[in-house]
Amino acid sequence: MILIGFYCIASKRNLLKIVIGIEIITIGVNLNILAMGLMENSVEPLAQEMAIVSIAIGAAVAAVSLSILINVYRHYKTLDTRKLRRLRW
């Protein structure tokens, strides 16, 4: 899932799709944390706690990034990164 997220970030020009790619990477990292916390007959509680904290932080990052996207779209009427880069100068 992490590689799919990186592909989504690298290949897309739409800011919303880039944010979705970042969220896919976050989900992949959480799955890796949980998979590493598995033992033969039990589950590591620290890995579960880390995944829960990571999910909470990911939700906050998603909320902030989506609010920024809404403001960018209201101001510039586009989410295309090529057009937004031209507005820099």
C-alpha atoms as a PDB file:
ATOM      1  CA  MET A   1       0.000   0.000   0.000  1.00  0.00           C
ATOM      2  CA  ILE A   2       2.897   2.308   0.671  1.00  0.00           C
ATOM      3  CA  LEU A   3       4.141   1.992  -2.903  1.00  0.00           C
ATOM      4  CA  ILE A   4       0.635   2.640  -4.240  1.00  0.00           C
ATOM      5  CA  GLY A   5       0.528   5.839  -2.185  1.00  0.00           C
ATOM      6  CA  PHE A   6       3.908   6.974  -3.497  1.00  0.00           C
ATOM      7  CA  TYR A   7       2.767   6.261  -7.054  1.00  0.00           C
ATOM      8  CA  CYS A   8      -0.381   8.297  -6.458  1.00  0.00           C
ATOM      9  CA  ILE A   9       1.660  11.231  -5.158  1.00  0.00           C
ATOM     10  CA  ALA A  10       4.225  11.084  -7.964  1.00  0.00           C
ATOM     11  CA  SER A  11       1.890  10.622 -10.906  1.00  0.00           C
ATOM     12  CA  LYS A  12      -1.079  12.845 -10.127  1.00  0.00           C
ATOM     13  CA  ARG A  13      -1.351  16.601 -10.578  1.00  0.00           C
ATOM     14  CA  ASN A  14      -4.527  17.097  -8.564  1.00  0.00           C
ATOM     15  CA  LEU A  15      -3.988  18.128  -4.945  1.00  0.00           C
ATOM     16  CA  LEU A  16      -6.928  16.051  -3.729  1.00  0.00           C
ATOM     17  CA  LYS A  17      -5.453  12.905  -5.274  1.00  0.00           C
ATOM     18  CA  ILE A  18      -2.106  13.724  -3.665  1.00  0.00           C
ATOM     19  CA  VAL A  19      -3.783  13.973  -0.258  1.00  0.00           C
ATOM     20  CA  ILE A  20      -5.491  10.629  -0.904  1.00  0.00           C
ATOM     21  CA  GLY A  21      -2.048   9.177  -1.720  1.00  0.00           C
ATOM     22  CA  ILE A  22      -0.699  10.465   1.596  1.00  0.00           C
ATOM     23  CA  GLU A  23      -3.592   8.815   3.409  1.00  0.00           C
ATOM     24  CA  ILE A  24      -2.916   5.528   1.602  1.00  0.00           C
ATOM     25  CA  ILE A  25       0.702   5.712   2.791  1.00  0.00           C
ATOM     26  CA  THR A  26      -0.523   6.324   6.347  1.00  0.00           C
ATOM     27  CA  ILE A  27      -2.789   3.271   6.180  1.00  0.00           C
ATOM     28  CA  GLY A  28       0.092   1.171   4.842  1.00  0.00           C
ATOM     29  CA  VAL A  29       2.357   2.283   7.681  1.00  0.00           C
ATOM     30  CA  ASN A  30      -0.353   1.429  10.222  1.00  0.00           C
ATOM     31  CA  LEU A  31      -0.730  -2.041   8.713  1.00  0.00           C
ATOM     32  CA  ASN A  32       3.040  -2.549   8.929  1.00  0.00           C
ATOM     33  CA  ILE A  33       3.069  -1.466  12.576  1.00  0.00           C
ATOM     34  CA  LEU A  34       0.274  -3.896  13.395  1.00  0.00           C
ATOM     35  CA  ALA A  35       1.898  -6.728  11.428  1.00  0.00           C
ATOM     36  CA  MET A  36       5.191  -6.240  13.245  1.00  0.00           C
ATOM     37  CA  GLY A  37       3.365  -6.367  16.572  1.00  0.00           C
ATOM     38  CA  LEU A  38       2.030  -9.868  15.963  1.00  0.00           C
ATOM     39  CA  MET A  39       3.660 -12.632  17.938  1.00  0.00           C
ATOM     40  CA  GLU A  40       3.126 -16.372  17.815  1.00  0.00           C
ATOM     41  CA  ASN A  41       0.262 -16.573  20.307  1.00  0.00           C
ATOM     42  CA  SER A  42      -0.357 -12.965  21.292  1.00  0.00           C
ATOM     43  CA  VAL A  43      -0.438  -9.398  20.093  1.00  0.00           C
ATOM     44  CA  GLU A  44       1.953  -6.682  21.221  1.00  0.00           C
ATOM     45  CA  PRO A  45      -0.103  -3.951  22.961  1.00  0.00           C
ATOM     46  CA  LEU A  46       2.493  -1.256  22.239  1.00  0.00           C
ATOM     47  CA  ALA A  47       2.076  -1.791  18.496  1.00  0.00           C
ATOM     48  CA  GLN A  48      -1.686  -1.415  18.814  1.00  0.00           C
ATOM     49  CA  GLU A  49      -1.270   1.783  20.823  1.00  0.00           C
ATOM     50  CA  MET A  50       1.133   3.178  18.242  1.00  0.00           C
ATOM     51  CA  ALA A  51      -1.327   2.367  15.455  1.00  0.00           C
ATOM     52  CA  ILE A  52      -4.192   4.067  17.326  1.00  0.00           C
ATOM     53  CA  VAL A  53      -2.101   7.198  17.888  1.00  0.00           C
ATOM     54  CA  SER A  54      -1.033   7.141  14.246  1.00  0.00           C
ATOM     55  CA  ILE A  55      -4.657   6.871  13.113  1.00  0.00           C
ATOM     56  CA  ALA A  56      -5.595   9.855  15.283  1.00  0.00           C
ATOM     57  CA  ILE A  57      -2.710  11.930  13.932  1.00  0.00           C
ATOM     58  CA  GLY A  58      -3.581  10.872  10.378  1.00  0.00           C
ATOM     59  CA  ALA A  59      -7.161  12.003  10.872  1.00  0.00           C
ATOM     60  CA  ALA A  60      -5.979  15.397  12.101  1.00  0.00           C
ATOM     61  CA  VAL A  61      -3.598  15.762   9.158  1.00  0.00           C
ATOM     62  CA  ALA A  62      -6.364  14.792   6.734  1.00  0.00           C
ATOM     63  CA  ALA A  63      -8.741  17.345   8.243  1.00  0.00           C
ATOM     64  CA  VAL A  64      -6.182  20.157   8.054  1.00  0.00           C
ATOM     65  CA  SER A  65      -5.101  19.281   4.520  1.00  0.00           C
ATOM     66  CA  LEU A  66      -8.693  19.088   3.288  1.00  0.00           C
ATOM     67  CA  SER A  67      -9.474  22.469   4.838  1.00  0.00           C
ATOM     68  CA  ILE A  68      -6.437  23.924   3.071  1.00  0.00           C
ATOM     69  CA  LEU A  69      -7.627  22.332  -0.193  1.00  0.00           C
ATOM     70  CA  ILE A  70     -11.052  23.915   0.225  1.00  0.00           C
ATOM     71  CA  ASN A  71      -9.491  27.337   0.742  1.00  0.00           C
ATOM     72  CA  VAL A  72      -7.153  26.910  -2.250  1.00  0.00           C
ATOM     73  CA  TYR A  73     -10.067  25.910  -4.462  1.00  0.00           C
ATOM     74  CA  ARG A  74     -12.179  28.843  -3.289  1.00  0.00           C
ATOM     75  CA  HIS A  75      -9.364  31.286  -3.959  1.00  0.00           C
ATOM     76  CA  TYR A  76      -7.858  29.939  -7.207  1.00  0.00           C
ATOM     77  CA  LYS A  77     -10.751  27.825  -8.597  1.00  0.00           C
ATOM     78  CA  THR A  78      -8.373  24.941  -9.367  1.00  0.00           C
ATOM     79  CA  LEU A  79      -6.507  22.120  -7.624  1.00  0.00           C
ATOM     80  CA  ASP A  80      -4.049  21.469 -10.470  1.00  0.00           C
ATOM     81  CA  THR A  81      -0.475  21.774  -9.211  1.00  0.00           C
ATOM     82  CA  ARG A  82       0.849  23.010 -12.571  1.00  0.00           C
ATOM     83  CA  LYS A  83      -1.509  25.982 -12.532  1.00  0.00           C
ATOM     84  CA  LEU A  84      -0.829  26.710  -8.865  1.00  0.00           C
ATOM     85  CA  ARG A  85       2.943  26.751  -9.455  1.00  0.00           C
ATOM     86  CA  ARG A  86       2.537  29.429 -12.121  1.00  0.00           C
ATOM     87  CA  LEU A  87       0.835  31.654  -9.560  1.00  0.00           C
ATOM     88  CA  ARG A  88       3.930  31.720  -7.372  1.00  0.00           C
ATOM     89  CA  TRP A  89       5.605  34.640  -9.184  1.00  0.00           C
END
